[in-house]
């Protein structure tokens, strides 16, 4: 409307229709977006397995005072949690209606 330098009902209707079309397309795409639930469940399973290993190593250390564990599961769990967090945020943003 600013570029046309006019304020007519035709221009207002045109702009409202453009907004309506844009919102409709966005909602349709939002409903079509595939869910990431399967990948999130897989990340959950991996993190639970890693925490199981971590806790077993802690228990073994407390019982026997043996320290031969390299601790790689800690950093791997952190990396997987970061990936899962980003995927969960993206999944929530992509699915406004769910």
PDB file of N, CA and C in Angstrom:
ATOM      1  N   UNK A   1       0.829  -1.189   0.000  1.00  0.00           N
ATOM      2  CA  UNK A   1       0.000   0.000   0.000  1.00  0.00           C
ATOM      3  C   UNK A   1       0.875   1.254   0.000  1.00  0.00           C
ATOM      4  N   UNK A   2       1.997   1.158   0.638  1.00  0.00           N
ATOM      5  CA  UNK A   2       2.894   2.310   0.677  1.00  0.00           C
ATOM      6  C   UNK A   2       3.467   2.589  -0.709  1.00  0.00           C
ATOM      7  N   UNK A   3       3.825   1.527  -1.426  1.00  0.00           N
ATOM      8  CA  UNK A   3       4.410   1.702  -2.754  1.00  0.00           C
ATOM      9  C   UNK A   3       3.373   2.213  -3.758  1.00  0.00           C
ATOM     10  N   UNK A   4       2.114   1.815  -3.603  1.00  0.00           N
ATOM     11  CA  UNK A   4       1.069   2.251  -4.521  1.00  0.00           C
ATOM     12  C   UNK A   4       0.681   3.709  -4.282  1.00  0.00           C
ATOM     13  N   UNK A   5       0.937   4.198  -3.106  1.00  0.00           N
ATOM     14  CA  UNK A   5       0.613   5.572  -2.707  1.00  0.00           C
ATOM     15  C   UNK A   5      -0.878   5.872  -2.837  1.00  0.00           C
ATOM     16  N   UNK A   6      -1.660   4.784  -2.718  1.00  0.00           N
ATOM     17  CA  UNK A   6      -3.108   4.912  -2.721  1.00  0.00           C
ATOM     18  C   UNK A   6      -3.649   4.051  -1.592  1.00  0.00           C
ATOM     19  N   UNK A   7      -4.870   4.346  -1.245  1.00  0.00           N
ATOM     20  CA  UNK A   7      -5.526   3.560  -0.206  1.00  0.00           C
ATOM     21  C   UNK A   7      -6.937   3.243  -0.703  1.00  0.00           C
ATOM     22  N   UNK A   8      -7.020   2.135  -1.491  1.00  0.00           N
ATOM     23  CA  UNK A   8      -8.316   1.759  -2.049  1.00  0.00           C
ATOM     24  C   UNK A   8      -8.715   0.390  -1.516  1.00  0.00           C
ATOM     25  N   UNK A   9     -10.007   0.092  -1.655  1.00  0.00           N
ATOM     26  CA  UNK A   9     -10.491  -1.197  -1.182  1.00  0.00           C
ATOM     27  C   UNK A   9      -9.898  -2.353  -1.975  1.00  0.00           C
ATOM     28  N   UNK A  10      -9.599  -2.159  -3.240  1.00  0.00           N
ATOM     29  CA  UNK A  10      -8.999  -3.219  -4.052  1.00  0.00           C
ATOM     30  C   UNK A  10      -7.609  -3.581  -3.529  1.00  0.00           C
ATOM     31  N   UNK A  11      -6.842  -2.565  -3.168  1.00  0.00           N
ATOM     32  CA  UNK A  11      -5.491  -2.812  -2.642  1.00  0.00           C
ATOM     33  C   UNK A  11      -5.580  -3.508  -1.288  1.00  0.00           C
ATOM     34  N   UNK A  12      -6.508  -3.091  -0.457  1.00  0.00           N
ATOM     35  CA  UNK A  12      -6.663  -3.724   0.861  1.00  0.00           C
ATOM     36  C   UNK A  12      -7.070  -5.185   0.698  1.00  0.00           C
ATOM     37  N   UNK A  13      -8.028  -5.452  -0.188  1.00  0.00           N
ATOM     38  CA  UNK A  13      -8.451  -6.836  -0.440  1.00  0.00           C
ATOM     39  C   UNK A  13      -7.305  -7.668  -0.993  1.00  0.00           C
ATOM     40  N   UNK A  14      -6.530  -7.106  -1.893  1.00  0.00           N
ATOM     41  CA  UNK A  14      -5.383  -7.803  -2.465  1.00  0.00           C
ATOM     42  C   UNK A  14      -4.379  -8.171  -1.373  1.00  0.00           C
ATOM     43  N   UNK A  15      -4.060  -7.227  -0.504  1.00  0.00           N
ATOM     44  CA  UNK A  15      -3.089  -7.486   0.571  1.00  0.00           C
ATOM     45  C   UNK A  15      -3.624  -8.528   1.549  1.00  0.00           C
ATOM     46  N   UNK A  16      -4.907  -8.457   1.881  1.00  0.00           N
ATOM     47  CA  UNK A  16      -5.497  -9.442   2.786  1.00  0.00           C
ATOM     48  C   UNK A  16      -5.496 -10.837   2.168  1.00  0.00           C
ATOM     49  N   UNK A  17      -5.770 -10.914   0.874  1.00  0.00           N
ATOM     50  CA  UNK A  17      -5.728 -12.204   0.197  1.00  0.00           C
ATOM     51  C   UNK A  17      -4.301 -12.767   0.154  1.00  0.00           C
ATOM     52  N   UNK A  18      -3.314 -11.907  -0.070  1.00  0.00           N
ATOM     53  CA  UNK A  18      -1.918 -12.364  -0.042  1.00  0.00           C
ATOM     54  C   UNK A  18      -1.551 -12.909   1.333  1.00  0.00           C
ATOM     55  N   UNK A  19      -1.980 -12.232   2.378  1.00  0.00           N
ATOM     56  CA  UNK A  19      -1.704 -12.699   3.739  1.00  0.00           C
ATOM     57  C   UNK A  19      -2.412 -14.031   3.986  1.00  0.00           C
ATOM     58  N   UNK A  20      -3.668 -14.142   3.554  1.00  0.00           N
ATOM     59  CA  UNK A  20      -4.434 -15.371   3.737  1.00  0.00           C
ATOM     60  C   UNK A  20      -3.789 -16.538   2.999  1.00  0.00           C
ATOM     61  N   UNK A  21      -3.335 -16.307   1.784  1.00  0.00           N
ATOM     62  CA  UNK A  21      -2.667 -17.361   1.017  1.00  0.00           C
ATOM     63  C   UNK A  21      -1.370 -17.775   1.709  1.00  0.00           C
ATOM     64  N   UNK A  22      -0.602 -16.812   2.172  1.00  0.00           N
ATOM     65  CA  UNK A  22       0.653 -17.122   2.861  1.00  0.00           C
ATOM     66  C   UNK A  22       0.436 -17.931   4.126  1.00  0.00           C
ATOM     67  N   UNK A  23      -0.544 -17.552   4.920  1.00  0.00           N
ATOM     68  CA  UNK A  23      -0.832 -18.287   6.155  1.00  0.00           C
ATOM     69  C   UNK A  23      -1.348 -19.683   5.842  1.00  0.00           C
ATOM     70  N   UNK A  24      -2.181 -19.808   4.821  1.00  0.00           N
ATOM     71  CA  UNK A  24      -2.718 -21.119   4.448  1.00  0.00           C
ATOM     72  C   UNK A  24      -1.611 -22.066   3.997  1.00  0.00           C
ATOM     73  N   UNK A  25      -0.718 -21.573   3.169  1.00  0.00           N
ATOM     74  CA  UNK A  25       0.395 -22.409   2.698  1.00  0.00           C
ATOM     75  C   UNK A  25       1.283 -22.807   3.877  1.00  0.00           C
ATOM     76  N   UNK A  26       1.540 -21.871   4.783  1.00  0.00           N
ATOM     77  CA  UNK A  26       2.372 -22.175   5.953  1.00  0.00           C
ATOM     78  C   UNK A  26       1.717 -23.245   6.827  1.00  0.00           C
ATOM     79  N   UNK A  27       0.422 -23.155   7.043  1.00  0.00           N
ATOM     80  CA  UNK A  27      -0.268 -24.161   7.851  1.00  0.00           C
ATOM     81  C   UNK A  27      -0.286 -25.523   7.174  1.00  0.00           C
ATOM     82  N   UNK A  28      -0.484 -25.543   5.850  1.00  0.00           N
ATOM     83  CA  UNK A  28      -0.449 -26.812   5.131  1.00  0.00           C
ATOM     84  C   UNK A  28       0.928 -27.463   5.221  1.00  0.00           C
ATOM     85  N   UNK A  29       1.965 -26.677   5.052  1.00  0.00           N
ATOM     86  CA  UNK A  29       3.323 -27.213   5.167  1.00  0.00           C
ATOM     87  C   UNK A  29       3.600 -27.675   6.590  1.00  0.00           C
ATOM     88  N   UNK A  30       3.064 -26.953   7.550  1.00  0.00           N
ATOM     89  CA  UNK A  30       3.239 -27.318   8.950  1.00  0.00           C
ATOM     90  C   UNK A  30       2.613 -28.674   9.237  1.00  0.00           C
ATOM     91  N   UNK A  31       1.447 -28.938   8.675  1.00  0.00           N
ATOM     92  CA  UNK A  31       0.792 -30.222   8.902  1.00  0.00           C
ATOM     93  C   UNK A  31       1.487 -31.345   8.138  1.00  0.00           C
ATOM     94  N   UNK A  32       2.167 -31.018   7.057  1.00  0.00           N
ATOM     95  CA  UNK A  32       2.825 -32.024   6.230  1.00  0.00           C
ATOM     96  C   UNK A  32       4.193 -32.432   6.773  1.00  0.00           C
ATOM     97  N   UNK A  33       4.846 -31.577   7.539  1.00  0.00           N
ATOM     98  CA  UNK A  33       6.210 -31.838   8.000  1.00  0.00           C
ATOM     99  C   UNK A  33       6.293 -33.194   8.700  1.00  0.00           C
ATOM    100  N   UNK A  34       7.260 -34.014   8.322  1.00  0.00           N
ATOM    101  CA  UNK A  34       7.379 -35.325   8.968  1.00  0.00           C
ATOM    102  C   UNK A  34       7.813 -35.173  10.425  1.00  0.00           C
ATOM    103  N   UNK A  35       7.381 -36.115  11.221  1.00  0.00           N
ATOM    104  CA  UNK A  35       7.695 -36.083  12.645  1.00  0.00           C
ATOM    105  C   UNK A  35       9.088 -36.668  12.881  1.00  0.00           C
ATOM    106  N   UNK A  36       9.762 -36.158  13.882  1.00  0.00           N
ATOM    107  CA  UNK A  36      11.090 -36.652  14.237  1.00  0.00           C
ATOM    108  C   UNK A  36      11.027 -37.547  15.470  1.00  0.00           C
ATOM    109  N   UNK A  37       9.842 -38.036  15.805  1.00  0.00           N
ATOM    110  CA  UNK A  37       9.676 -38.851  17.009  1.00  0.00           C
ATOM    111  C   UNK A  37      10.533 -40.120  16.969  1.00  0.00           C
ATOM    112  N   UNK A  38      10.624 -40.731  15.799  1.00  0.00           N
ATOM    113  CA  UNK A  38      11.395 -41.971  15.681  1.00  0.00           C
ATOM    114  C   UNK A  38      12.874 -41.716  16.003  1.00  0.00           C
ATOM    115  N   UNK A  39      13.429 -40.653  15.445  1.00  0.00           N
ATOM    116  CA  UNK A  39      14.823 -40.319  15.704  1.00  0.00           C
ATOM    117  C   UNK A  39      15.021 -39.911  17.161  1.00  0.00           C
ATOM    118  N   UNK A  40      14.056 -39.199  17.735  1.00  0.00           N
ATOM    119  CA  UNK A  40      14.158 -38.809  19.141  1.00  0.00           C
ATOM    120  C   UNK A  40      14.130 -40.034  20.058  1.00  0.00           C
ATOM    121  N   UNK A  41      13.301 -41.018  19.732  1.00  0.00           N
ATOM    122  CA  UNK A  41      13.273 -42.264  20.515  1.00  0.00           C
ATOM    123  C   UNK A  41      14.603 -43.002  20.415  1.00  0.00           C
ATOM    124  N   UNK A  42      15.205 -42.977  19.233  1.00  0.00           N
ATOM    125  CA  UNK A  42      16.509 -43.623  19.056  1.00  0.00           C
ATOM    126  C   UNK A  42      17.576 -42.910  19.885  1.00  0.00           C
ATOM    127  N   UNK A  43      17.575 -41.581  19.869  1.00  0.00           N
ATOM    128  CA  UNK A  43      18.505 -40.825  20.721  1.00  0.00           C
ATOM    129  C   UNK A  43      18.283 -41.159  22.193  1.00  0.00           C
ATOM    130  N   UNK A  44      17.029 -41.279  22.589  1.00  0.00           N
ATOM    131  CA  UNK A  44      16.719 -41.615  23.977  1.00  0.00           C
ATOM    132  C   UNK A  44      17.290 -42.979  24.348  1.00  0.00           C
ATOM    133  N   UNK A  45      17.130 -43.956  23.461  1.00  0.00           N
ATOM    134  CA  UNK A  45      17.655 -45.291  23.731  1.00  0.00           C
ATOM    135  C   UNK A  45      19.175 -45.277  23.861  1.00  0.00           C
ATOM    136  N   UNK A  46      19.834 -44.528  22.971  1.00  0.00           N
ATOM    137  CA  UNK A  46      21.296 -44.448  23.005  1.00  0.00           C
ATOM    138  C   UNK A  46      21.763 -43.794  24.298  1.00  0.00           C
ATOM    139  N   UNK A  47      21.123 -42.695  24.683  1.00  0.00           N
ATOM    140  CA  UNK A  47      21.521 -41.993  25.903  1.00  0.00           C
ATOM    141  C   UNK A  47      21.292 -42.874  27.131  1.00  0.00           C
ATOM    142  N   UNK A  48      20.186 -43.598  27.164  1.00  0.00           N
ATOM    143  CA  UNK A  48      19.933 -44.498  28.289  1.00  0.00           C
ATOM    144  C   UNK A  48      20.993 -45.590  28.365  1.00  0.00           C
ATOM    145  N   UNK A  49      21.400 -46.137  27.220  1.00  0.00           N
ATOM    146  CA  UNK A  49      22.468 -47.140  27.215  1.00  0.00           C
ATOM    147  C   UNK A  49      23.781 -46.549  27.705  1.00  0.00           C
ATOM    148  N   UNK A  50      24.088 -45.326  27.268  1.00  0.00           N
ATOM    149  CA  UNK A  50      25.331 -44.685  27.708  1.00  0.00           C
ATOM    150  C   UNK A  50      25.307 -44.405  29.206  1.00  0.00           C
ATOM    151  N   UNK A  51      24.172 -43.938  29.719  1.00  0.00           N
ATOM    152  CA  UNK A  51      24.081 -43.683  31.156  1.00  0.00           C
ATOM    153  C   UNK A  51      24.156 -44.989  31.953  1.00  0.00           C
ATOM    154  N   UNK A  52      23.639 -46.078  31.387  1.00  0.00           N
ATOM    155  CA  UNK A  52      23.754 -47.373  32.052  1.00  0.00           C
ATOM    156  C   UNK A  52      25.226 -47.756  32.197  1.00  0.00           C
ATOM    157  N   UNK A  53      26.003 -47.548  31.139  1.00  0.00           N
ATOM    158  CA  UNK A  53      27.437 -47.847  31.186  1.00  0.00           C
ATOM    159  C   UNK A  53      28.130 -46.930  32.195  1.00  0.00           C
ATOM    160  N   UNK A  54      27.812 -45.648  32.153  1.00  0.00           N
ATOM    161  CA  UNK A  54      28.439 -44.680  33.063  1.00  0.00           C
ATOM    162  C   UNK A  54      28.164 -45.057  34.516  1.00  0.00           C
ATOM    163  N   UNK A  55      26.912 -45.358  34.827  1.00  0.00           N
ATOM    164  CA  UNK A  55      26.567 -45.701  36.203  1.00  0.00           C
ATOM    165  C   UNK A  55      27.207 -47.018  36.640  1.00  0.00           C
ATOM    166  N   UNK A  56      27.314 -47.981  35.736  1.00  0.00           N
ATOM    167  CA  UNK A  56      27.996 -49.237  36.077  1.00  0.00           C
ATOM    168  C   UNK A  56      29.463 -48.990  36.394  1.00  0.00           C
ATOM    169  N   UNK A  57      30.100 -48.112  35.638  1.00  0.00           N
ATOM    170  CA  UNK A  57      31.508 -47.801  35.898  1.00  0.00           C
ATOM    171  C   UNK A  57      31.686 -47.067  37.236  1.00  0.00           C
ATOM    172  N   UNK A  58      30.742 -46.195  37.550  1.00  0.00           N
ATOM    173  CA  UNK A  58      30.805 -45.501  38.847  1.00  0.00           C
ATOM    174  C   UNK A  58      30.640 -46.504  39.982  1.00  0.00           C
ATOM    175  N   UNK A  59      29.695 -47.417  39.849  1.00  0.00           N
ATOM    176  CA  UNK A  59      29.478 -48.443  40.868  1.00  0.00           C
ATOM    177  C   UNK A  59      30.719 -49.315  41.008  1.00  0.00           C
ATOM    178  N   UNK A  60      31.297 -49.705  39.888  1.00  0.00           N
ATOM    179  CA  UNK A  60      32.498 -50.540  39.939  1.00  0.00           C
ATOM    180  C   UNK A  60      33.645 -49.818  40.627  1.00  0.00           C
ATOM    181  N   UNK A  61      33.803 -48.535  40.366  1.00  0.00           N
ATOM    182  CA  UNK A  61      34.853 -47.760  41.036  1.00  0.00           C
ATOM    183  C   UNK A  61      34.600 -47.671  42.539  1.00  0.00           C
ATOM    184  N   UNK A  62      33.354 -47.420  42.921  1.00  0.00           N
ATOM    185  CA  UNK A  62      33.038 -47.299  44.347  1.00  0.00           C
ATOM    186  C   UNK A  62      33.233 -48.621  45.089  1.00  0.00           C
ATOM    187  N   UNK A  63      33.009 -49.736  44.412  1.00  0.00           N
ATOM    188  CA  UNK A  63      33.161 -51.038  45.061  1.00  0.00           C
ATOM    189  C   UNK A  63      34.598 -51.527  45.086  1.00  0.00           C
ATOM    190  N   UNK A  64      35.350 -51.281  44.012  1.00  0.00           N
ATOM    191  CA  UNK A  64      36.677 -51.898  43.895  1.00  0.00           C
ATOM    192  C   UNK A  64      37.821 -50.906  43.832  1.00  0.00           C
ATOM    193  N   UNK A  65      37.539 -49.613  43.688  1.00  0.00           N
ATOM    194  CA  UNK A  65      38.564 -48.571  43.520  1.00  0.00           C
ATOM    195  C   UNK A  65      39.423 -48.772  42.276  1.00  0.00           C
ATOM    196  N   UNK A  66      38.914 -49.477  41.274  1.00  0.00           N
ATOM    197  CA  UNK A  66      39.630 -49.665  40.015  1.00  0.00           C
ATOM    198  C   UNK A  66      39.274 -48.537  39.054  1.00  0.00           C
ATOM    199  N   UNK A  67      40.318 -47.946  38.438  1.00  0.00           N
ATOM    200  CA  UNK A  67      40.093 -46.849  37.491  1.00  0.00           C
ATOM    201  C   UNK A  67      40.767 -47.213  36.172  1.00  0.00           C
ATOM    202  N   UNK A  68      40.071 -47.948  35.333  1.00  0.00           N
ATOM    203  CA  UNK A  68      40.592 -48.229  33.997  1.00  0.00           C
ATOM    204  C   UNK A  68      39.594 -47.825  32.924  1.00  0.00           C
ATOM    205  N   UNK A  69      38.648 -47.026  33.291  1.00  0.00           N
ATOM    206  CA  UNK A  69      37.607 -46.549  32.378  1.00  0.00           C
ATOM    207  C   UNK A  69      38.065 -45.234  31.768  1.00  0.00           C
ATOM    208  N   UNK A  70      37.945 -45.077  30.448  1.00  0.00           N
ATOM    209  CA  UNK A  70      38.403 -43.862  29.782  1.00  0.00           C
ATOM    210  C   UNK A  70      37.372 -42.735  29.804  1.00  0.00           C
ATOM    211  N   UNK A  71      36.109 -43.025  30.068  1.00  0.00           N
ATOM    212  CA  UNK A  71      35.088 -41.991  30.205  1.00  0.00           C
ATOM    213  C   UNK A  71      34.562 -41.432  28.895  1.00  0.00           C
ATOM    214  N   UNK A  72      34.812 -42.119  27.809  1.00  0.00           N
ATOM    215  CA  UNK A  72      34.363 -41.613  26.504  1.00  0.00           C
ATOM    216  C   UNK A  72      32.843 -41.546  26.413  1.00  0.00           C
ATOM    217  N   UNK A  73      32.154 -42.363  27.223  1.00  0.00           N
ATOM    218  CA  UNK A  73      30.688 -42.355  27.206  1.00  0.00           C
ATOM    219  C   UNK A  73      30.124 -41.026  27.687  1.00  0.00           C
ATOM    220  N   UNK A  74      30.848 -40.345  28.562  1.00  0.00           N
ATOM    221  CA  UNK A  74      30.383 -39.038  29.056  1.00  0.00           C
ATOM    222  C   UNK A  74      30.309 -38.013  27.933  1.00  0.00           C
ATOM    223  N   UNK A  75      31.359 -37.899  27.152  1.00  0.00           N
ATOM    224  CA  UNK A  75      31.345 -36.932  26.050  1.00  0.00           C
ATOM    225  C   UNK A  75      30.384 -37.356  24.953  1.00  0.00           C
ATOM    226  N   UNK A  76      30.292 -38.666  24.706  1.00  0.00           N
ATOM    227  CA  UNK A  76      29.368 -39.157  23.696  1.00  0.00           C
ATOM    228  C   UNK A  76      27.924 -38.883  24.106  1.00  0.00           C
ATOM    229  N   UNK A  77      27.615 -39.082  25.388  1.00  0.00           N
ATOM    230  CA  UNK A  77      26.265 -38.789  25.880  1.00  0.00           C
ATOM    231  C   UNK A  77      25.959 -37.301  25.751  1.00  0.00           C
ATOM    232  N   UNK A  78      26.931 -36.455  26.048  1.00  0.00           N
ATOM    233  CA  UNK A  78      26.735 -35.012  25.892  1.00  0.00           C
ATOM    234  C   UNK A  78      26.468 -34.615  24.453  1.00  0.00           C
ATOM    235  N   UNK A  79      27.213 -35.217  23.531  1.00  0.00           N
ATOM    236  CA  UNK A  79      27.009 -34.924  22.109  1.00  0.00           C
ATOM    237  C   UNK A  79      25.630 -35.380  21.636  1.00  0.00           C
ATOM    238  N   UNK A  80      25.231 -36.572  22.035  1.00  0.00           N
ATOM    239  CA  UNK A  80      23.922 -37.091  21.633  1.00  0.00           C
ATOM    240  C   UNK A  80      22.808 -36.239  22.239  1.00  0.00           C
ATOM    241  N   UNK A  81      22.964 -35.831  23.496  1.00  0.00           N
ATOM    242  CA  UNK A  81      21.952 -34.981  24.121  1.00  0.00           C
ATOM    243  C   UNK A  81      21.827 -33.643  23.403  1.00  0.00           C
ATOM    244  N   UNK A  82      22.948 -33.089  22.961  1.00  0.00           N
ATOM    245  CA  UNK A  82      22.909 -31.819  22.223  1.00  0.00           C
ATOM    246  C   UNK A  82      22.171 -31.981  20.896  1.00  0.00           C
ATOM    247  N   UNK A  83      22.474 -33.072  20.178  1.00  0.00           N
ATOM    248  CA  UNK A  83      21.779 -33.339  18.914  1.00  0.00           C
ATOM    249  C   UNK A  83      20.284 -33.547  19.147  1.00  0.00           C
ATOM    250  N   UNK A  84      19.952 -34.294  20.190  1.00  0.00           N
ATOM    251  CA  UNK A  84      18.548 -34.567  20.497  1.00  0.00           C
ATOM    252  C   UNK A  84      17.812 -33.287  20.878  1.00  0.00           C
ATOM    253  N   UNK A  85      18.486 -32.415  21.606  1.00  0.00           N
ATOM    254  CA  UNK A  85      17.866 -31.141  22.000  1.00  0.00           C
ATOM    255  C   UNK A  85      17.555 -30.294  20.768  1.00  0.00           C
ATOM    256  N   UNK A  86      18.501 -30.194  19.844  1.00  0.00           N
ATOM    257  CA  UNK A  86      18.278 -29.418  18.624  1.00  0.00           C
ATOM    258  C   UNK A  86      17.155 -30.021  17.782  1.00  0.00           C
ATOM    259  N   UNK A  87      17.133 -31.348  17.690  1.00  0.00           N
ATOM    260  CA  UNK A  87      16.075 -32.008  16.924  1.00  0.00           C
ATOM    261  C   UNK A  87      14.716 -31.808  17.587  1.00  0.00           C
ATOM    262  N   UNK A  88      14.665 -31.871  18.912  1.00  0.00           N
ATOM    263  CA  UNK A  88      13.402 -31.676  19.622  1.00  0.00           C
ATOM    264  C   UNK A  88      12.879 -30.254  19.438  1.00  0.00           C
ATOM    265  N   UNK A  89      13.771 -29.275  19.492  1.00  0.00           N
ATOM    266  CA  UNK A  89      13.362 -27.883  19.289  1.00  0.00           C
ATOM    267  C   UNK A  89      12.830 -27.691  17.870  1.00  0.00           C
ATOM    268  N   UNK A  90      13.543 -28.245  16.889  1.00  0.00           N
ATOM    269  CA  UNK A  90      13.104 -28.130  15.497  1.00  0.00           C
ATOM    270  C   UNK A  90      11.761 -28.837  15.293  1.00  0.00           C
ATOM    271  N   UNK A  91      11.586 -29.993  15.954  1.00  0.00           N
ATOM    272  CA  UNK A  91      10.330 -30.727  15.825  1.00  0.00           C
ATOM    273  C   UNK A  91       9.166 -29.935  16.402  1.00  0.00           C
ATOM    274  N   UNK A  92       9.382 -29.280  17.518  1.00  0.00           N
ATOM    275  CA  UNK A  92       8.320 -28.460  18.132  1.00  0.00           C
ATOM    276  C   UNK A  92       8.002 -27.258  17.245  1.00  0.00           C
ATOM    277  N   UNK A  93       9.032 -26.630  16.689  1.00  0.00           N
ATOM    278  CA  UNK A  93       8.804 -25.466  15.837  1.00  0.00           C
ATOM    279  C   UNK A  93       8.090 -25.846  14.529  1.00  0.00           C
ATOM    280  N   UNK A  94       8.357 -27.031  14.018  1.00  0.00           N
ATOM    281  CA  UNK A  94       7.747 -27.454  12.758  1.00  0.00           C
ATOM    282  C   UNK A  94       6.305 -27.902  12.908  1.00  0.00           C
ATOM    283  N   UNK A  95       5.892 -28.208  14.107  1.00  0.00           N
ATOM    284  CA  UNK A  95       4.551 -28.745  14.323  1.00  0.00           C
ATOM    285  C   UNK A  95       3.800 -27.869  15.317  1.00  0.00           C
ATOM    286  N   UNK A  96       3.291 -26.763  14.816  1.00  0.00           N
ATOM    287  CA  UNK A  96       2.606 -25.816  15.659  1.00  0.00           C
ATOM    288  C   UNK A  96       1.281 -26.365  16.167  1.00  0.00           C
ATOM    289  N   UNK A  97       0.587 -27.171  15.366  1.00  0.00           N
ATOM    290  CA  UNK A  97      -0.748 -27.627  15.716  1.00  0.00           C
ATOM    291  C   UNK A  97      -0.753 -28.901  16.552  1.00  0.00           C
ATOM    292  N   UNK A  98       0.363 -29.595  16.669  1.00  0.00           N
ATOM    293  CA  UNK A  98       0.383 -30.858  17.431  1.00  0.00           C
ATOM    294  C   UNK A  98       0.663 -30.588  18.877  1.00  0.00           C
TER     295      UNK A  98
END
